[in-house]
N, C-alpha and C. Protein backbone atom coordinates (compact mmCIF):
# COMPACT_ATOMS: atom_id res chain seq x y z
N GLU A 1 118.34 69.67 101.95
CA GLU A 1 117.36 70.40 101.67
C GLU A 1 116.85 70.32 100.44
N GLY A 2 115.43 70.20 100.17
CA GLY A 2 114.78 70.36 98.77
C GLY A 2 114.39 71.78 98.43
N ASP A 3 113.92 71.75 97.25
CA ASP A 3 113.39 73.01 96.84
C ASP A 3 111.98 73.38 97.44
N LEU A 4 111.70 74.55 97.56
CA LEU A 4 110.37 74.98 98.19
C LEU A 4 109.55 75.60 97.20
N LYS A 5 108.35 75.67 97.32
CA LYS A 5 107.52 76.08 96.16
C LYS A 5 106.55 77.13 96.89
N ILE A 6 106.15 78.24 96.26
CA ILE A 6 105.19 79.13 96.74
C ILE A 6 104.44 79.73 95.49
N LYS A 7 103.30 80.17 95.66
CA LYS A 7 102.47 80.72 94.56
C LYS A 7 101.98 82.11 95.22
N VAL A 8 101.93 83.14 94.41
CA VAL A 8 101.53 84.66 94.74
C VAL A 8 100.73 85.02 93.70
N LEU A 9 99.51 85.56 94.04
CA LEU A 9 98.64 86.30 93.14
C LEU A 9 99.07 87.77 92.97
N VAL A 10 99.16 88.08 91.67
CA VAL A 10 99.49 89.52 91.30
C VAL A 10 98.58 90.09 90.26
N PRO A 11 98.55 91.36 90.24
CA PRO A 11 97.60 91.97 89.27
C PRO A 11 98.48 91.76 87.74
N ARG A 12 97.86 91.99 86.95
CA ARG A 12 98.50 91.60 85.46
C ARG A 12 99.57 92.81 85.19
N ALA A 13 99.22 94.02 85.69
CA ALA A 13 100.36 95.09 85.33
C ALA A 13 101.61 94.68 85.99
N ALA A 14 101.50 94.11 87.41
CA ALA A 14 102.76 93.85 87.98
C ALA A 14 103.46 92.49 87.36
N ALA A 15 102.61 91.58 87.01
CA ALA A 15 103.29 90.54 86.21
C ALA A 15 104.06 90.97 84.86
N GLY A 16 103.41 92.05 84.17
CA GLY A 16 104.10 92.43 83.04
C GLY A 16 105.32 93.03 83.28
N SER A 17 105.47 93.80 84.50
CA SER A 17 106.79 94.58 84.79
C SER A 17 107.87 93.41 85.37
N ILE A 18 107.22 92.26 86.05
CA ILE A 18 108.21 91.34 86.36
C ILE A 18 108.64 90.67 85.16
N ILE A 19 107.97 90.41 84.20
CA ILE A 19 108.47 89.59 83.05
C ILE A 19 109.38 90.50 82.18
N GLY A 20 109.10 91.99 82.01
CA GLY A 20 109.76 92.88 81.34
C GLY A 20 109.82 92.73 79.75
N LYS A 21 110.24 93.64 79.12
CA LYS A 21 110.31 93.59 77.58
C LYS A 21 111.13 92.39 77.20
N GLY A 22 110.66 91.59 76.30
CA GLY A 22 111.17 90.52 75.86
C GLY A 22 111.67 89.44 76.90
N GLY A 23 111.01 89.49 78.13
CA GLY A 23 111.36 88.57 79.17
C GLY A 23 112.66 88.90 79.88
N VAL A 24 113.32 90.25 79.69
CA VAL A 24 114.64 90.39 80.04
C VAL A 24 114.61 90.40 81.82
N THR A 25 113.61 91.04 82.34
CA THR A 25 113.58 91.24 83.84
C THR A 25 113.51 90.03 84.63
N ILE A 26 112.65 88.94 83.96
CA ILE A 26 112.44 87.92 84.78
C ILE A 26 113.65 86.90 84.52
N LYS A 27 114.19 86.82 83.24
CA LYS A 27 115.48 86.24 83.19
C LYS A 27 116.46 86.58 84.22
N LEU A 28 116.73 87.84 84.33
CA LEU A 28 117.82 88.41 85.20
C LEU A 28 117.52 87.95 86.53
N LEU A 29 116.02 88.05 87.02
CA LEU A 29 115.63 87.63 88.37
C LEU A 29 116.04 86.14 88.58
N CYS A 30 115.71 85.29 87.61
CA CYS A 30 116.12 83.75 87.61
C CYS A 30 117.46 83.64 87.76
N GLU A 31 118.34 84.41 87.15
CA GLU A 31 119.79 84.19 87.04
C GLU A 31 120.26 84.53 88.40
N SER A 32 119.82 85.71 88.79
CA SER A 32 120.33 86.30 90.26
C SER A 32 119.94 85.52 91.37
N SER A 33 118.90 84.98 91.36
CA SER A 33 118.30 84.22 92.53
C SER A 33 118.42 82.61 92.51
N GLY A 34 118.54 82.25 91.28
CA GLY A 34 118.57 80.66 90.98
C GLY A 34 117.28 80.03 91.13
N ALA A 35 116.26 80.67 91.33
CA ALA A 35 114.83 80.27 91.49
C ALA A 35 114.21 79.83 90.06
N LYS A 36 113.25 79.03 89.87
CA LYS A 36 112.51 78.78 88.67
C LYS A 36 111.21 79.41 88.89
N ILE A 37 110.88 80.32 88.15
CA ILE A 37 109.59 81.25 88.05
C ILE A 37 108.75 81.00 86.92
N SER A 38 107.33 80.70 87.21
CA SER A 38 106.38 80.63 86.15
C SER A 38 105.22 81.57 86.35
N ILE A 39 104.78 82.09 85.48
CA ILE A 39 103.65 83.19 85.49
C ILE A 39 102.60 82.71 84.56
N SER A 40 101.26 82.47 85.27
CA SER A 40 100.11 82.03 84.53
C SER A 40 99.64 83.17 83.66
N ASP A 41 98.69 82.75 82.78
CA ASP A 41 97.98 83.69 81.91
C ASP A 41 97.00 84.46 82.80
N ALA A 42 96.69 85.62 82.32
CA ALA A 42 95.71 86.42 83.04
C ALA A 42 94.44 85.83 83.20
N SER A 43 93.72 86.06 84.12
CA SER A 43 92.26 85.43 84.42
C SER A 43 91.34 86.34 83.56
N SER A 44 91.51 87.66 83.05
CA SER A 44 90.70 88.44 82.34
C SER A 44 91.38 89.65 81.84
N TRP A 45 90.96 90.44 81.12
CA TRP A 45 91.67 91.75 80.57
C TRP A 45 91.80 92.79 81.64
N GLY A 46 92.74 93.73 81.48
CA GLY A 46 93.00 94.87 82.26
C GLY A 46 94.13 94.74 83.29
N PRO A 47 94.59 96.00 83.72
CA PRO A 47 95.54 95.78 84.62
C PRO A 47 95.54 95.10 85.96
N ALA A 48 94.28 94.98 86.36
CA ALA A 48 93.89 94.41 87.63
C ALA A 48 93.52 92.94 87.49
N ALA A 49 93.61 92.24 86.24
CA ALA A 49 93.28 91.06 86.12
C ALA A 49 94.40 89.99 86.98
N ASP A 50 94.00 89.05 87.53
CA ASP A 50 94.77 88.12 88.29
C ASP A 50 95.88 87.24 87.62
N GLN A 51 97.01 87.15 87.94
CA GLN A 51 98.01 86.17 87.33
C GLN A 51 98.59 85.58 88.64
N VAL A 52 98.92 84.25 88.41
CA VAL A 52 99.78 83.58 89.52
C VAL A 52 101.15 83.68 89.07
N VAL A 53 102.02 83.98 90.25
CA VAL A 53 103.47 83.81 90.15
C VAL A 53 103.80 82.59 90.97
N SER A 54 104.47 81.39 90.24
CA SER A 54 104.94 80.40 90.84
C SER A 54 106.39 80.45 91.05
N VAL A 55 106.78 80.07 92.21
CA VAL A 55 108.31 80.27 92.41
C VAL A 55 108.91 79.05 93.17
N GLN A 56 109.85 78.37 92.56
CA GLN A 56 110.43 77.11 93.02
C GLN A 56 112.02 77.26 93.27
N GLY A 57 112.47 76.94 94.37
CA GLY A 57 114.04 77.02 94.77
C GLY A 57 114.14 77.18 96.08
N GLU A 58 115.64 77.06 96.54
CA GLU A 58 116.03 77.25 97.87
C GLU A 58 115.31 78.52 98.56
N GLU A 59 115.26 78.32 100.04
CA GLU A 59 114.65 79.31 100.71
C GLU A 59 115.18 80.84 100.55
N GLU A 60 116.59 81.01 100.28
CA GLU A 60 116.97 82.23 99.92
C GLU A 60 116.43 82.90 98.61
N ALA A 61 116.41 81.92 97.61
CA ALA A 61 116.05 82.24 96.12
C ALA A 61 114.49 82.76 96.30
N ILE A 62 113.67 81.97 96.93
CA ILE A 62 112.41 82.42 97.01
C ILE A 62 112.21 83.70 97.71
N LYS A 63 112.94 84.04 98.82
CA LYS A 63 112.71 85.24 99.43
C LYS A 63 113.33 86.35 98.56
N THR A 64 114.46 86.23 97.92
CA THR A 64 114.75 87.17 96.77
C THR A 64 113.72 87.56 95.77
N VAL A 65 113.13 86.53 95.14
CA VAL A 65 111.86 86.68 94.23
C VAL A 65 110.86 87.45 94.77
N LEU A 66 110.36 86.84 96.07
CA LEU A 66 109.27 87.59 96.61
C LEU A 66 109.54 89.01 96.85
N GLU A 67 110.83 89.45 97.29
CA GLU A 67 110.94 90.85 97.51
C GLU A 67 110.88 91.61 96.34
N GLU A 68 111.38 90.90 95.18
CA GLU A 68 111.23 91.65 93.90
C GLU A 68 109.89 91.82 93.36
N VAL A 69 109.08 90.68 93.63
CA VAL A 69 107.63 90.77 93.29
C VAL A 69 106.80 91.73 93.86
N ASN A 70 107.19 91.80 95.31
CA ASN A 70 106.63 92.86 96.01
C ASN A 70 106.73 94.25 95.72
N LYS A 71 108.05 94.54 95.29
CA LYS A 71 108.44 95.76 94.81
C LYS A 71 107.58 96.18 93.63
N HIS A 72 107.36 95.37 92.74
CA HIS A 72 106.66 95.33 91.46
C HIS A 72 105.07 95.77 91.79
N ILE A 73 104.44 95.00 92.68
CA ILE A 73 103.16 95.22 93.18
C ILE A 73 102.93 96.58 93.77
N GLN A 74 103.92 96.87 94.68
CA GLN A 74 103.91 98.13 95.46
C GLN A 74 104.04 99.45 94.69
N ALA A 75 104.77 99.35 93.50
CA ALA A 75 104.86 100.44 92.47
C ALA A 75 103.60 100.64 91.92
N LEU A 76 102.69 99.81 91.97
CA LEU A 76 101.28 100.08 91.34
C LEU A 76 100.29 100.60 92.47
N LYS A 77 100.54 100.77 93.77
CA LYS A 77 99.43 101.09 94.76
C LYS A 77 98.86 102.38 94.58
N ASP A 78 99.40 103.42 93.79
CA ASP A 78 98.54 104.60 93.52
C ASP A 78 97.76 104.50 92.23
N GLU A 79 97.68 103.59 91.69
CA GLU A 79 96.90 103.27 90.49
C GLU A 79 95.42 103.40 90.88
N GLY A 80 94.49 103.76 90.05
CA GLY A 80 93.21 104.04 90.42
C GLY A 80 92.48 102.58 90.73
N TRP A 81 92.88 101.46 89.97
CA TRP A 81 92.20 100.15 90.20
C TRP A 81 92.88 99.35 91.09
N PHE A 82 94.08 99.74 91.88
CA PHE A 82 94.61 99.09 92.74
C PHE A 82 93.92 98.69 94.04
N GLN A 83 93.40 99.62 94.60
CA GLN A 83 92.64 99.33 96.03
C GLN A 83 91.81 98.30 95.80
N GLY A 84 90.92 98.47 94.59
CA GLY A 84 89.84 97.47 94.22
C GLY A 84 90.44 96.14 94.19
N TRP A 85 91.55 95.80 93.39
CA TRP A 85 92.14 94.77 93.24
C TRP A 85 92.59 94.21 94.59
N ALA A 86 93.23 94.96 95.29
CA ALA A 86 93.86 94.56 96.77
C ALA A 86 92.91 94.11 97.73
N THR A 87 91.64 94.52 97.56
CA THR A 87 90.67 94.41 98.52
C THR A 87 89.43 93.59 98.11
N THR A 88 89.53 93.07 96.88
CA THR A 88 88.37 92.12 96.47
C THR A 88 88.40 90.65 96.93
N PRO A 89 87.53 90.26 97.57
CA PRO A 89 87.45 88.74 98.10
C PRO A 89 87.35 87.78 96.99
N GLY A 90 86.76 88.21 95.69
CA GLY A 90 86.90 87.36 94.70
C GLY A 90 88.21 86.96 94.28
N THR A 91 89.23 87.72 94.33
CA THR A 91 90.48 87.58 94.14
C THR A 91 91.01 86.43 94.67
N VAL A 92 90.70 86.32 95.91
CA VAL A 92 91.33 85.22 96.85
C VAL A 92 90.72 83.81 96.36
N SER A 93 89.16 83.80 96.18
CA SER A 93 88.51 82.56 95.74
C SER A 93 88.95 82.22 94.53
N TRP A 94 89.30 83.13 93.37
CA TRP A 94 89.85 82.53 92.07
C TRP A 94 91.20 81.90 92.52
N ALA A 95 91.91 82.59 93.25
CA ALA A 95 93.35 82.03 93.49
C ALA A 95 93.34 80.75 93.95
N TYR A 96 92.45 80.44 95.06
CA TYR A 96 92.28 79.29 95.70
C TYR A 96 91.80 78.12 94.73
N SER A 97 90.87 78.37 93.86
CA SER A 97 90.32 77.74 92.81
C SER A 97 91.44 77.09 91.96
N ASN A 98 92.25 78.15 91.42
CA ASN A 98 93.18 77.88 90.43
C ASN A 98 94.43 77.07 90.99
N LEU A 99 94.93 77.64 92.23
CA LEU A 99 96.05 77.06 92.92
C LEU A 99 95.75 75.51 93.39
N SER A 100 94.45 75.28 93.68
CA SER A 100 94.20 73.83 94.15
C SER A 100 93.86 73.07 92.88
N GLY A 101 94.00 73.54 91.73
CA GLY A 101 93.90 72.79 90.48
C GLY A 101 92.53 72.79 89.91
N GLY A 102 91.51 73.58 90.39
CA GLY A 102 90.20 73.74 90.10
C GLY A 102 89.84 74.34 88.71
N GLY A 103 90.88 74.93 88.18
CA GLY A 103 90.68 75.86 87.04
C GLY A 103 91.88 75.49 86.02
N ALA A 104 91.45 75.58 84.90
CA ALA A 104 92.33 75.44 83.58
C ALA A 104 93.24 76.63 83.60
N SER A 105 94.54 76.42 83.52
CA SER A 105 95.25 77.58 83.51
C SER A 105 96.69 77.12 82.70
N SER A 106 97.09 78.03 82.01
CA SER A 106 98.45 77.91 81.28
C SER A 106 99.48 78.97 81.87
N SER A 107 100.60 78.64 81.66
CA SER A 107 101.78 79.60 82.19
C SER A 107 102.88 79.27 81.49
N ARG A 108 103.75 80.34 81.51
CA ARG A 108 105.08 80.38 80.96
C ARG A 108 106.07 80.07 82.01
N VAL A 109 107.05 79.30 81.88
CA VAL A 109 108.00 78.91 82.78
C VAL A 109 109.38 79.65 82.56
N TYR A 110 109.91 80.27 83.39
CA TYR A 110 111.35 80.86 83.20
C TYR A 110 112.26 80.27 84.32
N SER A 111 113.37 79.95 83.97
CA SER A 111 114.38 79.28 84.71
C SER A 111 115.66 79.57 84.27
N HIS A 112 116.62 79.66 85.23
CA HIS A 112 118.12 79.66 84.86
C HIS A 112 118.91 78.49 85.42
N THR A 113 119.50 77.85 84.68
CA THR A 113 120.27 76.66 85.21
C THR A 113 121.66 77.18 85.36
N PRO A 114 122.39 77.33 86.45
CA PRO A 114 123.66 77.80 86.56
C PRO A 114 124.77 76.87 86.06
């Protein structure tokens, strides 16, 4: 079995909490799951700006990371901007453009090698 890859669009506020202060949270997630995680730079400013979280690893590692990412996103559901972010069709268009290589993007890669 090879590594699987998945990309998930998240609001900037969630990406920040996934990374954690000094990268501690994402480092622990990489270590506990064994996955390689990268997070793109934000598409714009503000908590609702889109960022892409890319995850690579075995199936269980990806499941672990996605569950954690979802917790960080759901923690923001009561924020005033969240409903607009979650229902904006442009969000999906931006994601498809960048995920298919249509846009320039930079990212930081976090990984743990056991």
